[in-house]
Amino acid sequence: MALIREVVERCWAHVERVGAEARLRESEERLRLAVENAEIGFWDVDVTNDRLTWPAQTKAMFGISANVPVSMADFYAGLHPDDREATVAAYLAAADPARRALYDVDYRTIGKEDGVLRWVAAKGRGVFDAGGRCVRVTGTALDITARKQAEEDLRNLNATLESRIFDALAEREAAHEALRQSQKMEAMGQLTGGVAHDFNNLLTPIVGSLDLLQRKGIGTEREQRLIAGAAQSAERARVLVQRLLAFARRQPLQSVAVDIAQLVAGMGDLVESTTGPQIKVVVDAAGDLPSAKADPNQLEMALLNLSVNARDAMPDGGTLHISATAESVGAHHRPGLSRGDYIRISVADTGSGMDEVTLARAIEPFFSTKGIGKGTGLGLSMVHGLASQLGGGLSIQSRPGMGTNIELWLPISDTRVEEVTDHQHAAATAAHQGVALLVDDEELVRMSTADMLTELGYAIIEASSAEEAIRILEGGAPIDIVVTDHLMPGMTGTDLARHLQSAQPELPILLVSGYAELEGIDAKLPRLTKPFRKGELAATLTSLLH
């Protein structure tokens, strides 16, 4: 019985030991899974045997592969130099039997194999025997690199908050100022457009009458000089109104395909005569440039204005360089320009240049540095308005003492430049005849235009309104051509043209106006801008009839 009892006790002890080992393995496996899923590493320092135990997670925090053995030397070597002293002091305090402090420290590591800087949060305590001797120090380690980076970003955010608020307020104020400026310019543009229309109506009989007196040579030599002076003043007033309309973007442009190389080269002599002998004019435009979408007359005026500005900036002489090149604009290339192909016309001088304050106000209307009576301040405003109306842009580079370069960007045209044939030249010199219906609510304008049409060989029927013109046509009067003003009380000239074209599609109609919104106007409808001379009226009628 004693033997049997001993055997049973040994068997039971073995069963208990096996069960305990199984439970221990199960517990260790649960701990391992928990640590791995929580991405927490643990560490165990066997002080008695000087042995360090790290799992794969802890080794990764020191940039060490999972299968590489480690020692306390690896721990010390992996610490960042700036954190080594504090970390070692905390470890020694935890292992000190007298202090038995909690090991709680954040430190940086430098990866042994990858050199990566990481932040680690470590916690642990010392384990002491009955005699008070530390036999091991064990604890956990957590990679807190992402948290430290977020904290650093937050500190930087707080540190720069004041400056960023200041910048945001400054940006908002700049946006408000730009809005106020835009609203002011829009209001000025609307006012300018209306005033220019009325002014053109006043100029039309003046220019027409002076042109008639000059062509007929009426008066003595002194009287002819006075007439010529009046005509010159009227022309300056005409140019000023055109600049106002271009600035207001209400100039009715006749956009066609323009050979820029030919236009720039053809202006060389005119620019040279305008700038004078002290200034060397260099014109550089490749002959194979594609055509650009522009109004040739307005473009020539713009280039002439830029050349005059360049001349005034070089009182002691210098070089004026006019060039034209094809450019392709991508995203963020030029402010205000859409992606696409453009012709860039550059007008560069070696003059006095502009400082930042002057440059910022250069395209403001009526701003001028030339002094009282020496400039209207509308030159650059007109060029800027013209470029914007054509779908292009204007850019200015200038430095004091280094000169100025003004670039006019024009969109490339989808159509080719039309060649003028001998037949068209012959048609331009053909005589006019027939009956012209002249429609205008301004009596002086109607009288001046009627005199021009009479000299061109037309019999004239006058109407003071579009409604009266319709009654004349419906009454059966034989009309060969209609010349009508655009802005009139009641029905406009554009509405009249649409009405007549629906009833008599073959009837030629010429729209005359000093101010015309592009919206609602057929682009194919021929137009003539007030004020005009007899020659300009004749050329327009010739192109309309042939």
Protein backbone atom coordinates (compact mmCIF):
# COMPACT_ATOMS: atom_id res chain seq x y z
CA MET A 1 0.00 0.00 0.00
CA ALA A 2 2.85 2.39 0.74
CA LEU A 3 4.36 1.64 -2.65
CA ILE A 4 1.08 2.19 -4.40
CA ARG A 5 0.53 5.45 -2.51
CA GLU A 6 3.98 6.75 -3.50
CA VAL A 7 3.43 5.83 -7.13
CA VAL A 8 0.07 7.59 -7.15
CA GLU A 9 1.53 10.71 -5.53
CA ARG A 10 4.38 10.84 -8.04
CA CYS A 11 1.97 10.35 -10.92
CA TRP A 12 -0.27 13.11 -9.60
CA ALA A 13 2.68 15.43 -9.14
CA HIS A 14 3.75 14.75 -12.72
CA VAL A 15 0.24 15.43 -13.96
CA GLU A 16 0.16 18.71 -12.03
CA ARG A 17 3.59 19.70 -13.35
CA VAL A 18 2.56 18.94 -16.93
CA GLY A 19 -0.65 20.91 -16.44
CA ALA A 20 1.23 23.82 -14.93
CA GLU A 21 3.68 23.88 -17.83
CA ALA A 22 0.81 23.79 -20.29
CA ARG A 23 -0.95 26.66 -18.50
CA LEU A 24 2.35 28.58 -18.44
CA ARG A 25 2.85 28.12 -22.16
CA GLU A 26 -0.74 29.17 -22.75
CA SER A 27 -0.26 32.24 -20.58
CA GLU A 28 2.98 33.13 -22.34
CA GLU A 29 1.28 32.75 -25.73
CA ARG A 30 -1.55 35.02 -24.63
CA LEU A 31 0.99 37.56 -23.39
CA ARG A 32 2.93 37.33 -26.65
CA LEU A 33 -0.22 37.87 -28.75
CA ALA A 34 -1.34 40.74 -26.54
CA VAL A 35 2.06 42.44 -26.78
CA GLU A 36 2.26 41.98 -30.56
CA ASN A 37 -1.27 43.24 -31.18
CA ALA A 38 -0.72 46.21 -28.91
CA GLU A 39 2.60 46.97 -30.65
CA ILE A 40 4.22 47.12 -27.21
CA GLY A 41 7.66 45.71 -26.64
CA PHE A 42 8.91 44.42 -23.32
CA TRP A 43 12.39 44.11 -21.97
CA ASP A 44 14.02 42.07 -19.20
CA VAL A 45 17.47 42.69 -17.74
CA ASP A 46 18.87 39.70 -15.78
CA VAL A 47 21.21 41.66 -13.50
CA THR A 48 22.70 38.51 -11.93
CA ASN A 49 23.74 36.94 -15.24
CA ASP A 50 24.12 40.30 -17.13
CA ARG A 51 21.70 39.18 -19.81
CA LEU A 52 19.23 41.32 -21.81
CA THR A 53 16.05 39.92 -23.32
CA TRP A 54 14.27 41.82 -26.12
CA PRO A 55 11.47 40.52 -28.36
CA ALA A 56 11.27 41.53 -32.03
CA GLN A 57 9.15 44.64 -31.28
CA THR A 58 11.73 46.08 -28.91
CA LYS A 59 14.62 45.30 -31.26
CA ALA A 60 12.78 47.12 -34.05
CA MET A 61 12.69 50.28 -31.90
CA PHE A 62 16.51 50.21 -31.91
CA GLY A 63 16.75 49.38 -35.62
CA ILE A 64 17.92 45.79 -34.98
CA SER A 65 16.71 42.72 -36.88
CA ALA A 66 14.58 40.17 -35.00
CA ASN A 67 17.14 37.30 -35.20
CA VAL A 68 20.14 39.35 -34.00
CA PRO A 69 21.22 38.77 -30.34
CA VAL A 70 21.42 41.87 -28.13
CA SER A 71 23.20 42.97 -24.96
CA MET A 72 23.22 45.96 -22.64
CA ALA A 73 25.94 47.44 -24.87
CA ASP A 74 23.40 47.58 -27.73
CA PHE A 75 20.97 49.38 -25.45
CA TYR A 76 23.51 52.03 -24.42
CA ALA A 77 24.86 52.43 -27.96
CA GLY A 78 21.37 52.90 -29.40
CA LEU A 79 20.48 55.85 -27.20
CA HIS A 80 20.60 59.35 -28.65
CA PRO A 81 23.62 61.23 -27.22
CA ASP A 82 21.39 63.97 -25.83
CA ASP A 83 19.16 61.45 -23.99
CA ARG A 84 21.77 58.92 -22.83
CA GLU A 85 22.60 60.52 -19.47
CA ALA A 86 18.99 60.92 -18.29
CA THR A 87 17.99 57.42 -19.46
CA VAL A 88 20.90 55.68 -17.76
CA ALA A 89 20.26 57.66 -14.55
CA ALA A 90 16.61 56.54 -14.53
CA TYR A 91 17.65 52.89 -15.02
CA LEU A 92 20.16 53.00 -12.18
CA ALA A 93 17.56 54.60 -9.88
CA ALA A 94 15.16 51.72 -10.60
CA ALA A 95 17.88 49.14 -9.83
CA ASP A 96 19.04 50.89 -6.64
CA PRO A 97 17.80 48.93 -3.55
CA ALA A 98 17.70 52.14 -1.53
CA ARG A 99 15.59 54.11 -4.06
CA ARG A 100 13.63 51.45 -6.01
CA ALA A 101 12.30 54.23 -8.29
CA LEU A 102 9.81 53.74 -11.09
CA TYR A 103 11.64 53.60 -14.44
CA ASP A 104 9.58 56.04 -16.55
CA VAL A 105 11.44 57.87 -19.31
CA ASP A 106 11.05 59.00 -22.93
CA TYR A 107 14.18 58.83 -25.03
CA ARG A 108 15.30 58.85 -28.64
CA THR A 109 17.04 55.96 -30.34
CA ILE A 110 19.24 55.88 -33.43
CA GLY A 111 18.71 52.67 -35.40
CA LYS A 112 21.78 50.46 -35.39
CA GLU A 113 21.07 49.06 -38.85
CA ASP A 114 18.88 51.72 -40.48
CA GLY A 115 20.01 54.93 -38.71
CA VAL A 116 16.38 56.03 -38.23
CA LEU A 117 15.57 58.34 -35.33
CA ARG A 118 12.73 57.07 -33.16
CA TRP A 119 11.07 58.07 -29.88
CA VAL A 120 10.48 55.38 -27.21
CA ALA A 121 8.42 55.57 -24.00
CA ALA A 122 9.80 53.00 -21.47
CA LYS A 123 8.38 51.97 -18.08
CA GLY A 124 9.61 49.34 -15.62
CA ARG A 125 10.62 48.39 -12.08
CA GLY A 126 13.42 46.53 -10.37
CA VAL A 127 12.94 43.03 -8.86
CA PHE A 128 14.73 42.47 -5.55
CA ASP A 129 15.49 39.25 -3.55
CA ALA A 130 14.95 38.71 0.17
CA GLY A 131 18.30 40.28 0.92
CA GLY A 132 17.39 43.48 -0.95
CA ARG A 133 19.67 42.76 -3.89
CA CYS A 134 18.35 43.70 -7.38
CA VAL A 135 18.17 40.54 -9.47
CA ARG A 136 16.41 41.95 -12.56
CA VAL A 137 14.81 45.05 -14.03
CA THR A 138 11.89 44.51 -16.37
CA GLY A 139 9.27 46.59 -18.12
CA THR A 140 7.65 47.70 -21.38
CA ALA A 141 8.62 49.93 -24.33
CA LEU A 142 6.32 51.79 -26.75
CA ASP A 143 7.22 53.51 -30.03
CA ILE A 144 5.83 57.08 -29.69
CA THR A 145 7.53 58.64 -32.76
CA ALA A 146 4.19 59.61 -34.38
CA ARG A 147 2.96 61.19 -31.14
CA LYS A 148 6.15 63.20 -30.69
CA GLN A 149 5.94 64.42 -34.30
CA ALA A 150 2.33 65.52 -33.75
CA GLU A 151 3.36 67.35 -30.58
CA GLU A 152 6.19 69.06 -32.47
CA ASP A 153 3.82 70.07 -35.26
CA LEU A 154 1.39 71.46 -32.68
CA ARG A 155 4.17 73.48 -31.01
CA ASN A 156 5.21 74.87 -34.38
CA LEU A 157 1.59 75.61 -35.18
CA ASN A 158 1.16 77.53 -31.94
CA ALA A 159 4.49 79.31 -32.39
CA THR A 160 3.54 80.53 -35.89
CA LEU A 161 -0.14 81.12 -35.15
CA GLU A 162 0.27 84.86 -34.65
CA SER A 163 2.27 85.35 -37.83
CA ARG A 164 -0.14 83.20 -39.83
CA ILE A 165 -3.10 85.17 -38.52
CA PHE A 166 -1.28 88.37 -39.50
CA ASP A 167 -0.58 86.98 -42.98
CA ALA A 168 -4.19 85.84 -43.37
CA LEU A 169 -5.49 89.26 -42.34
CA ALA A 170 -3.05 90.95 -44.72
CA GLU A 171 -4.13 88.62 -47.54
CA ARG A 172 -7.79 89.30 -46.82
CA GLU A 173 -7.16 93.05 -46.75
CA ALA A 174 -5.32 92.77 -50.07
CA ALA A 175 -8.26 90.85 -51.51
CA HIS A 176 -10.68 93.51 -50.23
CA GLU A 177 -8.50 96.23 -51.72
CA ALA A 178 -8.39 94.39 -55.05
CA LEU A 179 -12.19 94.06 -54.93
CA ARG A 180 -12.60 97.75 -54.17
CA GLN A 181 -10.21 98.61 -56.99
CA SER A 182 -12.08 96.29 -59.35
CA GLN A 183 -15.41 97.85 -58.41
CA LYS A 184 -13.96 101.33 -58.85
CA MET A 185 -12.53 100.41 -62.24
CA GLU A 186 -15.83 98.83 -63.31
CA ALA A 187 -17.76 101.94 -62.29
CA MET A 188 -15.22 104.14 -64.08
CA GLY A 189 -15.45 101.90 -67.12
CA GLN A 190 -19.23 102.20 -67.26
CA LEU A 191 -19.04 105.97 -66.86
CA THR A 192 -16.27 106.18 -69.44
CA GLY A 193 -18.21 104.15 -71.98
CA GLY A 194 -21.28 106.35 -71.71
CA VAL A 195 -19.33 109.61 -71.86
CA ALA A 196 -17.27 108.38 -74.81
CA HIS A 197 -20.41 107.55 -76.78
CA ASP A 198 -21.79 111.06 -76.37
CA PHE A 199 -18.39 112.59 -77.05
CA ASN A 200 -18.05 110.61 -80.27
CA ASN A 201 -21.43 111.90 -81.41
CA LEU A 202 -20.12 115.43 -80.82
CA LEU A 203 -16.86 114.72 -82.63
CA THR A 204 -18.43 113.15 -85.71
CA PRO A 205 -19.76 116.37 -87.29
CA ILE A 206 -16.63 118.26 -86.18
CA VAL A 207 -14.23 115.76 -87.78
CA GLY A 208 -16.44 115.39 -90.86
CA SER A 209 -16.80 119.12 -91.40
CA LEU A 210 -13.08 119.82 -90.91
CA ASP A 211 -12.25 116.98 -93.27
CA LEU A 212 -14.60 118.49 -95.89
CA LEU A 213 -13.06 121.96 -95.50
CA GLN A 214 -9.54 120.53 -95.86
CA ARG A 215 -10.38 118.46 -98.92
CA LYS A 216 -12.04 121.40 -100.69
CA GLY A 217 -9.27 123.83 -99.72
CA ILE A 218 -11.73 126.46 -98.57
CA GLY A 219 -10.34 129.75 -97.23
CA THR A 220 -7.06 131.58 -97.30
CA GLU A 221 -3.72 130.08 -96.35
CA ARG A 222 -4.10 131.37 -92.79
CA GLU A 223 -7.62 129.96 -92.56
CA GLN A 224 -6.38 126.60 -93.85
CA ARG A 225 -3.73 126.57 -91.11
CA LEU A 226 -6.46 127.22 -88.55
CA ILE A 227 -8.57 124.43 -90.03
CA ALA A 228 -5.57 122.10 -89.96
CA GLY A 229 -4.95 122.96 -86.29
CA ALA A 230 -8.58 122.31 -85.46
CA ALA A 231 -8.45 119.01 -87.34
CA GLN A 232 -5.32 118.03 -85.44
CA SER A 233 -7.02 118.82 -82.10
CA ALA A 234 -10.09 116.86 -83.17
CA GLU A 235 -7.87 113.91 -84.06
CA ARG A 236 -6.22 114.05 -80.63
CA ALA A 237 -9.67 114.10 -79.04
CA ARG A 238 -10.65 111.14 -81.19
CA VAL A 239 -7.59 109.17 -80.08
CA LEU A 240 -8.30 110.07 -76.45
CA VAL A 241 -11.85 108.72 -76.72
CA GLN A 242 -10.58 105.53 -78.33
CA ARG A 243 -8.18 105.11 -75.42
CA LEU A 244 -11.02 105.64 -72.98
CA LEU A 245 -13.10 103.00 -74.72
CA ALA A 246 -10.20 100.58 -74.85
CA PHE A 247 -9.54 101.13 -71.15
CA ALA A 248 -13.23 100.53 -70.40
CA ARG A 249 -13.11 97.42 -72.65
CA ARG A 250 -16.02 98.81 -74.61
CA GLN A 251 -14.19 99.50 -77.83
CA PRO A 252 -16.00 97.56 -80.57
CA LEU A 253 -13.02 95.61 -81.90
CA GLN A 254 -12.90 94.12 -85.38
CA SER A 255 -10.91 91.02 -84.45
CA VAL A 256 -9.36 89.29 -87.45
CA ALA A 257 -6.35 87.12 -88.16
CA VAL A 258 -3.33 89.46 -88.21
CA ASP A 259 0.14 88.78 -89.58
CA ILE A 260 2.06 90.10 -86.57
CA ALA A 261 5.47 89.84 -88.23
CA GLN A 262 4.31 91.95 -91.15
CA LEU A 263 2.53 94.46 -88.88
CA VAL A 264 5.53 94.91 -86.56
CA ALA A 265 7.99 95.17 -89.46
CA GLY A 266 5.73 97.67 -91.23
CA MET A 267 5.67 99.93 -88.18
CA GLY A 268 9.46 100.22 -88.04
CA ASP A 269 9.67 103.43 -90.08
CA LEU A 270 6.72 105.02 -88.25
CA VAL A 271 8.26 104.24 -84.86
CA GLU A 272 11.64 105.61 -85.96
CA SER A 273 10.07 108.87 -87.12
CA THR A 274 8.14 109.12 -83.86
CA THR A 275 11.03 108.40 -81.50
CA GLY A 276 13.60 110.63 -83.22
CA PRO A 277 17.25 110.20 -84.25
CA GLN A 278 18.65 109.78 -80.72
CA ILE A 279 16.93 106.43 -80.26
CA LYS A 280 18.00 103.30 -82.10
CA VAL A 281 14.97 101.21 -83.11
CA VAL A 282 15.49 97.46 -83.53
CA VAL A 283 12.61 95.40 -84.95
CA ASP A 284 12.89 91.63 -84.64
CA ALA A 285 10.01 89.41 -85.78
CA ALA A 286 10.34 86.01 -87.40
CA GLY A 287 8.56 85.69 -90.75
CA ASP A 288 7.05 82.29 -89.94
CA LEU A 289 4.99 83.46 -86.95
CA PRO A 290 1.40 82.22 -86.87
CA SER A 291 -1.34 84.81 -87.19
CA ALA A 292 -2.79 86.36 -84.04
CA LYS A 293 -6.34 87.32 -83.14
CA ALA A 294 -6.38 91.13 -82.99
CA ASP A 295 -7.76 94.38 -84.32
CA PRO A 296 -4.89 95.64 -86.52
CA ASN A 297 -5.77 99.33 -86.17
CA GLN A 298 -6.03 99.18 -82.38
CA LEU A 299 -2.90 97.05 -82.17
CA GLU A 300 -0.90 99.56 -84.22
CA MET A 301 -2.13 102.33 -81.93
CA ALA A 302 -1.13 100.29 -78.87
CA LEU A 303 2.38 99.66 -80.19
CA LEU A 304 2.74 103.33 -81.11
CA ASN A 305 1.69 104.32 -77.57
CA LEU A 306 4.23 101.95 -76.05
CA SER A 307 6.93 103.32 -78.36
CA VAL A 308 6.12 106.90 -77.35
CA ASN A 309 6.30 105.93 -73.67
CA ALA A 310 9.68 104.29 -74.31
CA ARG A 311 10.91 107.43 -76.11
CA ASP A 312 9.88 109.62 -73.18
CA ALA A 313 11.76 107.30 -70.80
CA MET A 314 14.99 107.83 -72.82
CA PRO A 315 15.47 111.64 -73.02
CA ASP A 316 19.21 111.20 -73.62
CA GLY A 317 18.76 108.49 -76.22
CA GLY A 318 18.95 104.72 -76.07
CA THR A 319 17.69 101.58 -77.77
CA LEU A 320 14.09 100.54 -78.40
CA HIS A 321 13.72 96.84 -79.18
CA ILE A 322 10.41 95.59 -80.60
CA SER A 323 10.15 91.81 -81.04
CA ALA A 324 7.48 89.18 -81.63
CA THR A 325 7.73 85.48 -80.81
CA ALA A 326 5.38 82.51 -80.53
CA GLU A 327 4.93 81.22 -76.97
CA SER A 328 3.05 78.33 -75.40
CA VAL A 329 1.49 79.00 -72.00
CA GLY A 330 0.94 76.17 -69.53
CA ALA A 331 -0.56 76.06 -66.05
CA HIS A 332 0.71 78.74 -63.62
CA HIS A 333 2.92 80.25 -66.35
CA ARG A 334 1.45 83.71 -66.53
CA PRO A 335 -1.18 85.26 -64.27
CA GLY A 336 -4.45 85.91 -66.04
CA LEU A 337 -3.61 83.85 -69.14
CA SER A 338 -5.41 80.66 -70.02
CA ARG A 339 -3.49 77.62 -71.18
CA GLY A 340 -2.79 77.81 -74.91
CA ASP A 341 -0.64 79.32 -77.68
CA TYR A 342 0.07 83.05 -77.88
CA ILE A 343 2.07 85.65 -79.77
CA ARG A 344 4.23 87.67 -77.37
CA ILE A 345 5.02 91.20 -78.57
CA SER A 346 7.79 92.80 -76.52
CA VAL A 347 8.55 96.54 -76.42
CA ALA A 348 11.77 97.01 -74.41
CA ASP A 349 13.75 100.18 -73.79
CA THR A 350 16.98 101.11 -72.05
CA GLY A 351 15.46 104.10 -70.29
CA SER A 352 15.04 105.24 -66.71
CA GLY A 353 12.79 102.36 -65.65
CA MET A 354 10.21 102.38 -62.86
CA ASP A 355 10.41 101.76 -59.14
CA GLU A 356 8.01 99.36 -57.38
CA VAL A 357 5.52 102.09 -56.44
CA THR A 358 5.30 103.43 -59.99
CA LEU A 359 5.18 99.91 -61.44
CA ALA A 360 2.25 99.01 -59.19
CA ARG A 361 0.24 101.96 -60.56
CA ALA A 362 1.46 101.86 -64.16
CA ILE A 363 -1.81 100.66 -65.72
CA GLU A 364 -4.09 102.81 -63.56
CA PRO A 365 -6.14 105.20 -65.70
CA PHE A 366 -4.95 108.81 -65.71
CA PHE A 367 -1.78 107.94 -63.77
CA SER A 368 1.23 109.55 -65.46
CA THR A 369 4.79 110.45 -64.51
CA LYS A 370 5.22 112.86 -67.43
CA GLY A 371 3.91 115.95 -65.70
CA ILE A 372 0.87 118.12 -66.28
CA GLY A 373 -0.06 118.55 -69.95
CA LYS A 374 2.44 115.98 -71.18
CA GLY A 375 0.32 112.84 -71.07
CA THR A 376 -3.21 111.60 -70.44
CA GLY A 377 -2.15 108.61 -68.34
CA LEU A 378 -4.29 106.35 -70.54
CA GLY A 379 -1.62 104.80 -72.77
CA LEU A 380 -0.89 101.67 -70.72
CA SER A 381 -4.50 101.48 -69.55
CA MET A 382 -5.63 101.39 -73.18
CA VAL A 383 -3.10 98.68 -74.06
CA HIS A 384 -4.12 96.64 -71.01
CA GLY A 385 -7.81 96.98 -71.88
CA LEU A 386 -7.14 96.02 -75.51
CA ALA A 387 -5.17 92.92 -74.53
CA SER A 388 -7.83 91.81 -72.05
CA GLN A 389 -10.64 92.37 -74.54
CA LEU A 390 -8.84 90.21 -77.11
CA GLY A 391 -8.40 87.37 -74.58
CA GLY A 392 -4.70 88.05 -73.96
CA GLY A 393 -2.76 89.89 -71.29
CA LEU A 394 -0.15 92.51 -70.44
CA SER A 395 2.95 92.11 -68.27
CA ILE A 396 5.54 94.72 -67.25
CA GLN A 397 9.10 94.20 -66.03
CA SER A 398 11.03 97.28 -64.99
CA ARG A 399 13.84 98.39 -62.66
CA PRO A 400 15.14 101.90 -62.02
CA GLY A 401 18.09 102.60 -64.30
CA MET A 402 17.68 99.27 -66.13
CA GLY A 403 14.83 100.11 -68.51
CA THR A 404 11.37 98.66 -69.04
CA ASN A 405 10.06 95.65 -70.94
CA ILE A 406 6.33 95.56 -71.70
CA GLU A 407 4.95 92.32 -73.12
CA LEU A 408 1.65 92.18 -74.99
CA TRP A 409 0.23 88.63 -75.20
CA LEU A 410 -2.25 87.91 -78.00
CA PRO A 411 -4.03 84.59 -78.63
CA ILE A 412 -3.17 82.78 -81.84
CA SER A 413 -5.95 82.88 -84.42
CA ASP A 414 -7.57 79.73 -85.77
CA THR A 415 -7.99 81.31 -89.21
CA ARG A 416 -5.41 82.36 -91.78
CA VAL A 417 -4.62 85.92 -92.82
CA GLU A 418 -6.67 86.82 -95.86
CA GLU A 419 -4.68 88.03 -98.85
CA VAL A 420 -5.88 91.16 -100.66
CA THR A 421 -6.40 90.35 -104.34
CA ASP A 422 -6.16 92.68 -107.34
CA HIS A 423 -9.93 92.43 -107.66
CA GLN A 424 -10.35 93.75 -104.14
CA HIS A 425 -7.94 96.60 -104.85
CA ALA A 426 -9.98 97.51 -107.90
CA ALA A 427 -13.21 97.31 -105.91
CA ALA A 428 -11.81 99.72 -103.33
CA THR A 429 -11.53 102.42 -105.96
CA ALA A 430 -14.95 101.81 -107.51
CA ALA A 431 -17.51 104.62 -107.48
CA HIS A 432 -20.56 104.41 -105.21
CA GLN A 433 -24.08 105.00 -106.44
CA GLY A 434 -27.66 104.29 -105.47
CA VAL A 435 -29.98 105.31 -102.64
CA ALA A 436 -28.73 105.23 -99.04
CA LEU A 437 -31.11 105.21 -96.07
CA LEU A 438 -29.35 107.14 -93.29
CA VAL A 439 -30.69 106.52 -89.77
CA ASP A 440 -29.46 108.59 -86.78
CA ASP A 441 -31.25 110.39 -83.94
CA GLU A 442 -28.55 113.12 -83.76
CA GLU A 443 -29.32 115.79 -86.38
CA LEU A 444 -25.76 117.16 -86.60
CA VAL A 445 -24.30 113.68 -87.00
CA ARG A 446 -26.92 112.80 -89.60
CA MET A 447 -26.20 116.02 -91.53
CA SER A 448 -22.41 115.43 -91.55
CA THR A 449 -22.76 111.78 -92.62
CA ALA A 450 -25.28 112.75 -95.32
CA ASP A 451 -22.79 115.21 -96.83
CA MET A 452 -20.14 112.47 -97.01
CA LEU A 453 -22.54 109.98 -98.60
CA THR A 454 -23.65 112.63 -101.13
CA GLU A 455 -20.02 113.25 -102.12
CA LEU A 456 -19.61 109.49 -102.57
CA GLY A 457 -22.44 109.49 -105.12
CA TYR A 458 -25.45 108.38 -103.07
CA ALA A 459 -28.92 109.84 -103.01
CA ILE A 460 -29.91 110.22 -99.36
CA ILE A 461 -33.13 109.41 -97.51
CA GLU A 462 -32.89 110.41 -93.84
CA ALA A 463 -34.63 108.89 -90.81
CA SER A 464 -34.36 110.07 -87.20
CA SER A 465 -35.25 106.70 -85.68
CA ALA A 466 -35.30 102.99 -86.47
CA GLU A 467 -39.09 102.98 -86.42
CA GLU A 468 -39.19 105.74 -89.06
CA ALA A 469 -36.69 103.79 -91.19
CA ILE A 470 -38.94 100.71 -91.11
CA ARG A 471 -41.94 102.80 -92.23
CA ILE A 472 -39.88 104.20 -95.13
CA LEU A 473 -38.84 100.72 -96.27
CA GLU A 474 -42.36 99.31 -95.85
CA GLY A 475 -43.63 102.24 -97.94
CA GLY A 476 -41.78 100.81 -100.93
CA ALA A 477 -38.90 103.27 -101.17
CA PRO A 478 -36.06 101.80 -103.31
CA ILE A 479 -33.13 101.46 -100.90
CA ASP A 480 -29.69 100.15 -101.96
CA ILE A 481 -27.90 100.41 -98.59
CA VAL A 482 -28.73 101.27 -94.96
CA VAL A 483 -26.34 103.24 -92.76
CA THR A 484 -27.62 103.30 -89.18
CA ASP A 485 -26.49 104.47 -85.75
CA HIS A 486 -26.48 101.84 -83.02
CA LEU A 487 -27.66 103.52 -79.79
CA MET A 488 -30.94 105.34 -80.41
CA PRO A 489 -34.10 105.86 -78.34
CA GLY A 490 -36.48 102.95 -78.80
CA MET A 491 -35.22 100.38 -81.25
CA THR A 492 -31.42 100.21 -81.57
CA GLY A 493 -29.53 100.04 -84.83
CA THR A 494 -28.68 96.40 -84.12
CA ASP A 495 -32.39 95.56 -83.68
CA LEU A 496 -33.13 97.45 -86.88
CA ALA A 497 -30.50 95.46 -88.77
CA ARG A 498 -31.96 92.16 -87.54
CA HIS A 499 -35.45 93.25 -88.55
CA LEU A 500 -34.35 94.31 -92.03
CA GLN A 501 -32.24 91.21 -92.61
CA SER A 502 -35.21 88.98 -91.85
CA ALA A 503 -37.30 90.79 -94.49
CA GLN A 504 -34.55 91.65 -97.02
CA PRO A 505 -31.50 89.43 -96.35
CA GLU A 506 -29.63 90.85 -99.39
CA LEU A 507 -29.88 94.47 -98.24
CA PRO A 508 -26.39 95.80 -97.17
CA ILE A 509 -26.41 97.33 -93.68
CA LEU A 510 -23.61 99.33 -92.03
CA LEU A 511 -23.74 99.86 -88.24
CA VAL A 512 -22.17 103.15 -87.10
CA SER A 513 -21.56 103.90 -83.43
CA GLY A 514 -19.23 105.56 -80.99
CA TYR A 515 -20.01 102.91 -78.38
CA ALA A 516 -21.20 99.34 -78.84
CA GLU A 517 -21.46 96.49 -76.40
CA LEU A 518 -20.30 93.29 -78.04
CA GLU A 519 -23.05 91.29 -76.38
CA GLY A 520 -26.09 90.86 -78.64
CA ILE A 521 -24.30 92.11 -81.79
CA ASP A 522 -23.70 89.78 -84.69
CA ALA A 523 -19.94 89.56 -85.20
CA LYS A 524 -20.52 89.45 -88.99
CA LEU A 525 -22.36 92.77 -89.02
CA PRO A 526 -20.08 95.47 -90.54
CA ARG A 527 -19.33 98.34 -88.16
CA LEU A 528 -17.74 101.78 -88.38
CA THR A 529 -16.61 103.66 -85.30
CA LYS A 530 -17.42 107.33 -84.78
CA PRO A 531 -15.95 109.80 -85.50
CA PHE A 532 -14.86 109.05 -89.05
CA ARG A 533 -13.72 110.81 -92.21
CA LYS A 534 -15.04 110.44 -95.72
CA GLY A 535 -12.18 108.13 -96.72
CA GLU A 536 -12.86 105.75 -93.84
CA LEU A 537 -16.58 105.68 -94.68
CA ALA A 538 -15.81 105.03 -98.35
CA ALA A 539 -13.43 102.16 -97.55
CA THR A 540 -15.96 100.52 -95.22
CA LEU A 541 -18.78 100.81 -97.77
CA THR A 542 -16.52 99.40 -100.49
CA SER A 543 -15.69 96.33 -98.42
CA LEU A 544 -19.37 95.92 -97.57
CA LEU A 545 -20.60 96.12 -101.16
CA HIS A 546 -17.87 93.97 -102.69
